[in-house]
Amino acid sequence: MPAVALGFGAMTVDTDTCGACGASMPASGSLCPVCGWDARVAVVDRPRRSLAAVLVGGAWRALMYGTLVALPLLGLYRFERVGPGPDLATTLRWIVLGDGGRSAELVTLHRAYETGSAAARYAIHEVAPPPFDDGWADFLAPYSTIRVRGWIPLLFYGADTDLAPAAVREFYEIRATDGWGRPFRVTTRLIARGDDWRNDPEVMDDLARGLNATLFSAGRPDFTAAETLRLAMVSAGRDGQFGTDDDLSMVSYVPIGMTLRLSAPGEDVRRALDRAIVTGRHWFRFEGNRWDLIDARLLAEVRLEILS
């Protein structure tokens, strides 16, 4: 506010202007003699905001702070679902835009593999081929890896299924549906013990294409040692239609029973049986897959590390 100097001989009086009515007021005072306006209150008292402005400001702050908190949590959830990619750019793209069905494919592959392992355990325990009619998933559930070995991937652990996180459990449980939640198409047939397999075109074609004995090694079953179950599981893939290019399939050969040396000590026989049931060995091959079981195990490990 401007100060005005009035000359009265040797005296000068500084004045200010009232901020309310515009009247002159002494610079040394704070109250306007005309309207009573208080300069001290004007300096420290901000204009009151309307209720609408307060509500808009609060909503904006809540939105901003909520976004800052939610984005990392949402990113962590998405990362838990899709897992790490081959590089950072791919991982970020999967988190934001989706992985194009990769995680569902990995669940499908691992679930089919686990079904073969459960069938192998049943065949050893019961010395009979497992049934694959209606309700086969519930029937084989007690022979799943999660019930026999536990739910921590690649490790032996207490087999308490209820403690397993759902995102990990879906890899290891026996279910009749694939990673997209659609039913598998399952067919089975028995191959007689002996040398008849040499004249079986389907078996010879499977052997020519190659079979895996483990996640890391190839092999083939001994058809002369026991009757063998050929298990074929097909998923309709991403498009949900059978007979298209994105179908996923697994062929598995499951020996019925196992050969034991009756002359071996009882403890050795028991250990051999226990090991065979725990391992659940079957010979398998996947077709139509873009990824493999190693990727599935890594995704299960990532989910376990995040959720535990």
Protein backbone atom coordinates (compact mmCIF):
# COMPACT_ATOMS: atom_id res chain seq x y z
CA MET A 1 0.00 0.00 0.00
CA PRO A 2 1.47 3.42 -0.92
CA ALA A 3 2.72 5.70 1.75
CA VAL A 4 1.92 9.46 1.49
CA ALA A 5 4.18 12.07 3.10
CA LEU A 6 2.40 15.20 4.37
CA GLY A 7 4.63 18.13 5.21
CA PHE A 8 3.78 20.27 8.28
CA GLY A 9 6.88 22.29 8.79
CA ALA A 10 9.53 19.86 9.96
CA MET A 11 7.00 17.02 10.57
CA THR A 12 5.96 14.33 8.09
CA VAL A 13 3.13 11.82 8.57
CA ASP A 14 3.12 8.53 6.59
CA THR A 15 -0.27 7.17 5.63
CA ASP A 16 -1.53 3.97 4.07
CA THR A 17 -4.65 3.23 2.11
CA CYS A 18 -7.39 1.03 3.55
CA GLY A 19 -7.69 -2.20 1.65
CA ALA A 20 -11.46 -2.29 2.12
CA CYS A 21 -12.81 1.23 1.62
CA GLY A 22 -9.77 3.04 0.19
CA ALA A 23 -9.65 5.69 2.94
CA SER A 24 -6.35 6.99 4.24
CA MET A 25 -5.10 5.51 7.46
CA PRO A 26 -1.94 6.04 9.51
CA ALA A 27 0.91 3.81 8.39
CA SER A 28 1.77 3.05 12.01
CA GLY A 29 -1.72 1.70 12.69
CA SER A 30 -3.54 -1.36 11.51
CA LEU A 31 -7.20 -0.30 11.87
CA CYS A 32 -9.02 1.88 9.35
CA PRO A 33 -10.75 4.77 11.20
CA VAL A 34 -13.55 4.78 8.62
CA CYS A 35 -14.63 1.15 8.18
CA GLY A 36 -12.64 -0.65 10.86
CA TRP A 37 -10.71 -2.82 8.41
CA ASP A 38 -7.81 -4.59 10.17
CA ALA A 39 -4.64 -4.87 8.09
CA ARG A 40 -3.24 -7.59 10.38
CA VAL A 41 -6.18 -9.91 9.73
CA ALA A 42 -5.95 -9.26 5.99
CA VAL A 43 -2.34 -10.41 5.98
CA VAL A 44 -2.80 -13.70 7.86
CA ASP A 45 -6.41 -14.68 6.99
CA ARG A 46 -6.71 -16.40 3.63
CA PRO A 47 -9.98 -16.24 1.72
CA ARG A 48 -12.24 -19.16 2.56
CA ARG A 49 -12.63 -21.84 -0.14
CA SER A 50 -16.04 -23.02 -1.15
CA LEU A 51 -17.23 -26.51 -0.22
CA ALA A 52 -17.14 -27.55 -3.87
CA ALA A 53 -13.51 -26.48 -4.18
CA VAL A 54 -12.61 -28.39 -1.01
CA LEU A 55 -14.33 -31.54 -2.30
CA VAL A 56 -12.68 -31.30 -5.71
CA GLY A 57 -9.26 -30.78 -4.16
CA GLY A 58 -9.73 -33.73 -1.79
CA ALA A 59 -10.87 -35.99 -4.60
CA TRP A 60 -7.88 -34.98 -6.72
CA ARG A 61 -5.45 -35.68 -3.88
CA ALA A 62 -7.11 -39.03 -3.15
CA LEU A 63 -6.85 -39.94 -6.83
CA MET A 64 -3.19 -38.98 -7.08
CA TYR A 65 -2.10 -40.63 -3.83
CA GLY A 66 -4.25 -43.69 -4.54
CA THR A 67 -2.62 -44.02 -7.96
CA LEU A 68 0.86 -43.74 -6.47
CA VAL A 69 0.03 -46.55 -4.03
CA ALA A 70 -2.00 -48.73 -6.41
CA LEU A 71 0.36 -48.73 -9.40
CA PRO A 72 3.22 -50.61 -7.68
CA LEU A 73 0.77 -53.10 -6.15
CA LEU A 74 -0.95 -53.64 -9.49
CA GLY A 75 2.42 -54.02 -11.20
CA LEU A 76 3.50 -56.61 -8.62
CA TYR A 77 0.25 -58.53 -9.09
CA ARG A 78 0.63 -58.49 -12.86
CA PHE A 79 4.28 -59.58 -12.56
CA GLU A 80 3.19 -62.46 -10.33
CA ARG A 81 0.74 -63.57 -13.02
CA VAL A 82 2.99 -63.30 -16.08
CA GLY A 83 6.46 -63.81 -14.60
CA PRO A 84 9.76 -62.49 -15.96
CA GLY A 85 10.39 -62.26 -19.67
CA PRO A 86 13.67 -62.70 -21.54
CA ASP A 87 14.44 -59.00 -21.05
CA LEU A 88 13.13 -55.97 -19.18
CA ALA A 89 11.26 -54.53 -22.16
CA THR A 90 9.38 -57.79 -22.72
CA THR A 91 8.55 -58.10 -19.03
CA LEU A 92 7.15 -54.56 -18.90
CA ARG A 93 5.13 -55.18 -22.06
CA TRP A 94 3.64 -58.35 -20.57
CA ILE A 95 2.77 -56.51 -17.35
CA VAL A 96 1.00 -53.69 -19.18
CA LEU A 97 -0.47 -55.39 -22.25
CA GLY A 98 -0.65 -59.06 -21.22
CA ASP A 99 1.51 -62.02 -22.19
CA GLY A 100 -0.58 -63.30 -25.07
CA GLY A 101 -1.70 -66.42 -23.25
CA ARG A 102 1.80 -67.49 -22.15
CA SER A 103 0.94 -68.06 -18.47
CA ALA A 104 -2.20 -70.04 -19.40
CA GLU A 105 -0.11 -72.17 -21.76
CA LEU A 106 2.47 -72.84 -19.05
CA VAL A 107 -0.26 -73.90 -16.62
CA THR A 108 -1.70 -76.17 -19.33
CA LEU A 109 1.65 -77.84 -20.04
CA HIS A 110 2.50 -78.39 -16.40
CA ARG A 111 -0.99 -79.61 -15.54
CA ALA A 112 -0.85 -82.19 -18.35
CA TYR A 113 2.60 -83.29 -17.20
CA GLU A 114 1.37 -83.63 -13.62
CA THR A 115 -1.56 -85.73 -14.86
CA GLY A 116 0.91 -88.13 -16.47
CA SER A 117 2.90 -88.31 -13.24
CA ALA A 118 -0.23 -88.97 -11.18
CA ALA A 119 -1.26 -91.70 -13.63
CA ALA A 120 2.19 -93.29 -13.26
CA ARG A 121 1.94 -93.27 -9.46
CA TYR A 122 -1.50 -94.83 -9.60
CA ALA A 123 -0.32 -97.51 -12.04
CA ILE A 124 2.52 -98.47 -9.68
CA HIS A 125 0.43 -98.35 -6.53
CA GLU A 126 -2.56 -100.26 -7.93
CA VAL A 127 -0.76 -102.29 -10.62
CA ALA A 128 -3.57 -101.31 -12.97
CA PRO A 129 -4.18 -98.60 -15.57
CA PRO A 130 -5.83 -95.49 -14.14
CA PRO A 131 -9.39 -94.76 -15.29
CA PHE A 132 -9.97 -91.69 -17.46
CA ASP A 133 -13.74 -91.65 -17.60
CA ASP A 134 -15.93 -88.99 -15.96
CA GLY A 135 -14.43 -87.65 -12.75
CA TRP A 136 -10.90 -88.83 -13.52
CA ALA A 137 -9.32 -85.66 -12.13
CA ASP A 138 -10.85 -86.21 -8.67
CA PHE A 139 -9.86 -89.86 -8.84
CA LEU A 140 -6.20 -89.06 -9.58
CA ALA A 141 -5.96 -86.07 -7.22
CA PRO A 142 -4.53 -88.13 -4.29
CA TYR A 143 -1.62 -89.14 -6.56
CA SER A 144 -0.68 -85.59 -7.58
CA THR A 145 2.76 -84.19 -6.85
CA ILE A 146 1.27 -81.64 -4.48
CA ARG A 147 -0.12 -84.48 -2.34
CA VAL A 148 2.91 -86.78 -2.57
CA ARG A 149 5.89 -84.43 -2.58
CA GLY A 150 4.51 -81.12 -1.41
CA TRP A 151 3.85 -77.82 -3.04
CA ILE A 152 7.25 -76.08 -3.15
CA PRO A 153 8.61 -76.59 -6.68
CA LEU A 154 11.72 -78.70 -7.05
CA LEU A 155 11.87 -79.42 -3.30
CA PHE A 156 10.50 -82.07 -0.98
CA TYR A 157 8.25 -80.46 1.59
CA GLY A 158 5.34 -81.18 3.87
CA ALA A 159 2.43 -82.11 1.61
CA ASP A 160 -0.20 -79.80 3.03
CA THR A 161 -2.24 -78.73 0.02
CA ASP A 162 -4.26 -76.15 1.96
CA LEU A 163 -1.11 -74.11 2.67
CA ALA A 164 -0.19 -73.77 -1.00
CA PRO A 165 -0.97 -70.39 -2.58
CA ALA A 166 -3.69 -70.75 -5.19
CA ALA A 167 -1.44 -69.29 -7.90
CA VAL A 168 1.10 -72.08 -7.24
CA ARG A 169 -1.46 -74.78 -6.57
CA GLU A 170 -2.97 -74.45 -10.05
CA PHE A 171 0.28 -75.77 -11.53
CA TYR A 172 0.42 -78.89 -9.37
CA GLU A 173 -3.18 -79.93 -8.84
CA ILE A 174 -4.84 -82.50 -11.08
CA ARG A 175 -7.68 -80.85 -12.96
CA ALA A 176 -9.70 -81.83 -16.02
CA THR A 177 -9.36 -78.31 -17.43
CA ASP A 178 -6.46 -76.49 -19.08
CA GLY A 179 -4.97 -73.11 -18.17
CA TRP A 180 -7.86 -71.31 -19.87
CA GLY A 181 -10.40 -73.27 -17.81
CA ARG A 182 -11.57 -75.44 -20.72
CA PRO A 183 -11.80 -79.25 -20.56
CA PHE A 184 -8.96 -81.37 -21.87
CA ARG A 185 -9.74 -83.92 -24.56
CA VAL A 186 -8.31 -87.19 -23.19
CA THR A 187 -7.83 -90.51 -24.96
CA THR A 188 -6.08 -93.65 -23.72
CA ARG A 189 -5.23 -97.13 -24.96
CA LEU A 190 -3.19 -100.03 -23.64
CA ILE A 191 -0.12 -101.43 -25.39
CA ALA A 192 0.48 -105.08 -24.62
CA ARG A 193 3.70 -106.22 -23.03
CA GLY A 194 6.12 -107.71 -25.52
CA ASP A 195 7.24 -106.76 -29.02
CA ASP A 196 3.92 -105.89 -30.63
CA TRP A 197 4.75 -102.20 -30.26
CA ARG A 198 7.16 -102.56 -33.18
CA ASN A 199 4.16 -103.07 -35.46
CA ASP A 200 2.17 -100.19 -33.97
CA PRO A 201 2.37 -97.17 -36.34
CA GLU A 202 1.28 -94.72 -33.64
CA VAL A 203 3.92 -95.90 -31.19
CA MET A 204 6.63 -95.95 -33.84
CA ASP A 205 5.72 -92.41 -34.87
CA ASP A 206 5.89 -91.24 -31.24
CA LEU A 207 9.30 -92.83 -30.81
CA ALA A 208 10.53 -91.29 -34.05
CA ARG A 209 9.42 -87.84 -32.86
CA GLY A 210 11.13 -88.43 -29.53
CA LEU A 211 10.02 -88.73 -25.91
CA ASN A 212 11.30 -87.11 -22.74
CA ALA A 213 12.11 -89.17 -19.68
CA THR A 214 12.60 -86.08 -17.49
CA LEU A 215 12.53 -82.32 -17.91
CA PHE A 216 16.14 -82.49 -19.08
CA SER A 217 16.65 -85.86 -20.76
CA ALA A 218 15.20 -88.01 -23.53
CA GLY A 219 14.28 -91.68 -23.29
CA ARG A 220 11.74 -94.35 -24.11
CA PRO A 221 9.76 -96.89 -22.07
CA ASP A 222 10.62 -100.58 -21.98
CA PHE A 223 7.56 -102.13 -23.64
CA THR A 224 8.87 -105.61 -22.93
CA ALA A 225 8.90 -105.08 -19.15
CA ALA A 226 5.25 -104.21 -18.56
CA GLU A 227 1.96 -103.33 -20.16
CA THR A 228 1.96 -99.64 -21.06
CA LEU A 229 -0.76 -97.02 -21.15
CA ARG A 230 -0.63 -94.45 -23.95
CA LEU A 231 -2.21 -91.24 -22.67
CA ALA A 232 -3.03 -88.36 -25.03
CA MET A 233 -4.26 -85.00 -23.69
CA VAL A 234 -5.26 -82.14 -25.99
CA SER A 235 -6.08 -78.53 -25.10
CA ALA A 236 -7.96 -76.29 -27.53
CA GLY A 237 -5.43 -73.53 -26.83
CA ARG A 238 -6.00 -69.80 -26.94
CA ASP A 239 -8.84 -69.77 -29.45
CA GLY A 240 -10.84 -72.48 -27.64
CA GLN A 241 -11.33 -74.48 -30.84
CA PHE A 242 -9.99 -77.99 -31.33
CA GLY A 243 -8.22 -78.77 -34.58
CA THR A 244 -6.55 -75.37 -35.02
CA ASP A 245 -2.89 -74.42 -35.10
CA ASP A 246 -2.75 -73.31 -31.46
CA ASP A 247 -3.85 -76.66 -30.01
CA LEU A 248 -1.58 -77.98 -27.25
CA SER A 249 -1.13 -81.71 -26.83
CA MET A 250 0.82 -84.15 -24.70
CA VAL A 251 1.49 -87.81 -25.42
CA SER A 252 2.56 -89.84 -22.40
CA TYR A 253 3.54 -93.49 -21.94
CA VAL A 254 2.82 -94.89 -18.48
CA PRO A 255 4.09 -98.37 -17.45
CA ILE A 256 1.57 -100.42 -15.50
CA GLY A 257 3.29 -101.61 -12.34
CA MET A 258 7.03 -102.04 -12.04
CA THR A 259 9.55 -104.87 -12.03
CA LEU A 260 11.05 -105.74 -8.63
CA ARG A 261 13.71 -108.25 -7.65
CA LEU A 262 12.08 -110.63 -5.20
CA SER A 263 15.50 -111.70 -3.96
CA ALA A 264 16.39 -108.14 -2.94
CA PRO A 265 16.20 -107.18 0.76
CA GLY A 266 12.81 -105.92 1.84
CA GLU A 267 14.17 -102.48 2.69
CA ASP A 268 15.58 -102.11 -0.84
CA VAL A 269 12.24 -103.13 -2.35
CA ARG A 270 10.40 -100.59 -0.19
CA ARG A 271 12.83 -97.81 -1.12
CA ALA A 272 12.48 -98.67 -4.81
CA LEU A 273 8.70 -98.53 -4.58
CA ASP A 274 8.75 -95.28 -2.61
CA ARG A 275 11.10 -93.68 -5.10
CA ALA A 276 9.01 -94.82 -8.07
CA ILE A 277 5.82 -93.42 -6.53
CA VAL A 278 7.46 -90.14 -5.57
CA THR A 279 9.04 -89.72 -9.00
CA GLY A 280 5.96 -90.66 -11.03
CA ARG A 281 8.07 -91.42 -14.09
CA HIS A 282 6.41 -91.34 -17.49
CA TRP A 283 7.71 -90.71 -20.99
CA PHE A 284 6.13 -87.71 -22.68
CA ARG A 285 6.20 -85.26 -25.56
CA PHE A 286 4.48 -81.91 -26.09
CA GLU A 287 3.32 -80.51 -29.41
CA GLY A 288 2.08 -77.06 -30.39
CA ASN A 289 3.77 -75.36 -27.44
CA ARG A 290 5.76 -72.12 -27.61
CA TRP A 291 7.20 -72.63 -24.12
CA ASP A 292 8.27 -75.64 -22.06
CA LEU A 293 8.16 -77.12 -18.58
CA ILE A 294 11.24 -75.20 -17.45
CA ASP A 295 9.40 -71.93 -18.10
CA ALA A 296 6.41 -73.30 -16.17
CA ARG A 297 8.57 -74.21 -13.17
CA LEU A 298 10.21 -70.78 -13.21
CA LEU A 299 6.83 -69.06 -13.21
CA ALA A 300 5.71 -71.25 -10.31
CA GLU A 301 8.91 -70.29 -8.44
CA VAL A 302 8.31 -66.58 -9.08
CA ARG A 303 4.75 -66.82 -7.76
CA LEU A 304 5.95 -68.71 -4.72
CA GLU A 305 8.64 -66.12 -3.94
CA ILE A 306 6.19 -63.21 -4.26
CA LEU A 307 3.31 -64.79 -2.35
CA SER A 308 5.22 -66.49 0.46
